Amino acid sequence: MGKNKSKYILFIVFILFSFFWVRAEEKSAGDNLFISKGTILTITKGKIEGGSILIKNGKIFAVGKDLKPPEGIKIIDATGKYVMPGIIDSHSHMAIDRGINESTSQVTPQVNIQDVIKHDDIAIYRALAGGTTCVQPLHGSANVIGGHNAVIKLKWGKPPEELLVKDSMQGIKFALGENPKKSNFPMPRGPEFPNTRMGIEFVIRDSFNHALEYMKKWDEYQKKKSSLKKGEIPPLPPKRDLKLEALADILKRNLGIVCHGYRADELLMMLKTADEYGAKVVSFEHCLEGYKVADEIAKHGTVASIFADNWAYKIEAFDAIPFNAAILTERGVAVTVNSDSDERVRRLYQDAAKTMKYGGLSEEEALKTITINPAKMLGIDHRCGSIEVGKDGDLAIFNGHPLSVYSKVLMTIIEGEVYFDIEKAITAEKALAMAKEKEKK
C-alpha cells in the first residue's frame, strides 16, 4: 500500500510539473516573438525596408535590418507586408458595462469608468481586427462634469485588471454644448438646469469654487494638526467628500480635463476658465471648430482629438470642415483622429488617410494621428505609439500600406502576444464560403 501511495504521489507531482512546464512554454512563446523582413513604419525613426523586430518578454528588444532570430523563438514572416505600431483610439465607449452616463446629476467626477470595464465586450475583438491595441473608454457627454477615464489595452480573453494601463493619464470627462444642455433630448419634466451655454460655464465655475473651499478646510486642518502642542486636543478632520476631492485633484493638476466640445466660443470659454483656476485641459474631444481657435489651443498645450470628416449631423456641427486636422497641425496643435464608435474603430487607419486628402498632411503626420499623438495625449508614449527599443511589443501587420483603402489587417499583437490572426478568424469571406458549401450539401 505504501509503495503504491508513493507511486501515486510521484504521478501527481509529475502531472503538476508538466502543467507548469507547459504554462511556462506557452507564456514564453506568447511574450517572445521575431517578426522578419517586413516594411517597418516606426513613426518616429523613419521607414525600414526588409526590417525585423525582436520582442522579448513583451518589450521591443531590437529593430533593424540585419537581426537574427534567437534559437527556438516564434517567427512571423512579414515579407511583402507592412508593420506599424498598434493603433490607439483616443475616444471610445467600448468595454463599459451598461450605461456610460451617470446622468442623475450634472457633476459626477466621483464615478470611475475603471470600475466597470467589461473585458468580454465583443467590440474589443472587432477593434483588434482593425489593428487597434489601446483605447480610452470615456464617460458620456450628458453631464457638464462626468466621471473618471480609463486607458486599456485590448487583451481579449484576459481579466479586466490586466486590461487597465495604470501608468496612463488620469482625467475627468467634461462636456460643453448641446449634449449637457439636452438640446436634442427633451426632458420628461421640462427644461432642467443648465439649459444655456451660460449655465454650463456657471456649473464649472461653481464646482471649482466649492473645490477651493474644500481644499481650504483641509489645509487649515493640516496646519492646526502640524502645530499641535503637547496636551492639546487634536482637531477633527473635515468630512470627506469624494466628489470635491476629485474636483480638487483637477485644480491641483493631479487629474486632467478631457473635454467634449464643438464650437469655438465654448472651447475658448473652457480654456479661459481652466487658466483662471490653474487646471489643465488635456484634450478637446471632437473639437470640430478647433481650426478657428488653433493658436489658443496650441498655447494651452491641449490636444485636438477629432473626427476625420464628420459634420452637419446636428446644429453645433455645421461649421466643421475636413481640413481641421491639417490646419490644427500647421498651427502647432497635436491632433489625434478618434472613433467614438465601436464600428469606426475597426478602420481608423482609413480615417487617418483622409488627413492627407484634405489639407495635405504627410504620410508620417497622418499615421501619427493614430499612434504617437494619442500615446502622448494619454501619457503612454514611453510605452506605445512607435516602434522603438524598450517600448511595448504592440504591433499591427497589414497586407499592404496601412493608408491604402485596399489594405487589411492580418495580425494584431500586444506585448508580444498575438490577439488577432486573420488566418484563425471567422471573416465575412469565410462565413460566405461556408454557407455556400452548406447549400451544395
Foldseek 3Di string as FASTA:
>chain_A
DVVVVVVVVVVVVVVVVVVVVVVVVVQQQQQWEKEFQAFEAQLPPGTAGRKMWTGGRQFTADIGRDDDDDPPHHYHYQHLWYKWFQFEFEEAAPQFPPALFPQPAQFDALDASLVGGRLQGVLLLLLVQLRHFKYKNHRDALHQWTYKIFIFGSQRPDDSVNGTDVQWAIATEGEADCRNLVVVPADPVGGDPPNDRVRSLVVLVVLLVVLVVLVVQQVVLVVQQVPDDPPDDRDDRDDDDSSSVSSNCQLVASHAYAYEDQDPVSVVSVLVVCVVSVGAHLEYAQNQVCLVVLLSCQVSQHAYAHAQADADPDDSRPPGHNQSLLSSVVNRHQAAHHDNDSPCSSQVLQSLLSNCVRNRDDPSSSLQNGFQSSCVSTVNNQATRGDDGGHGPWMWMWSHPSNDPPITTQWTGTSSGTPDGPVPDCDPVNVVVVVVVVVVD
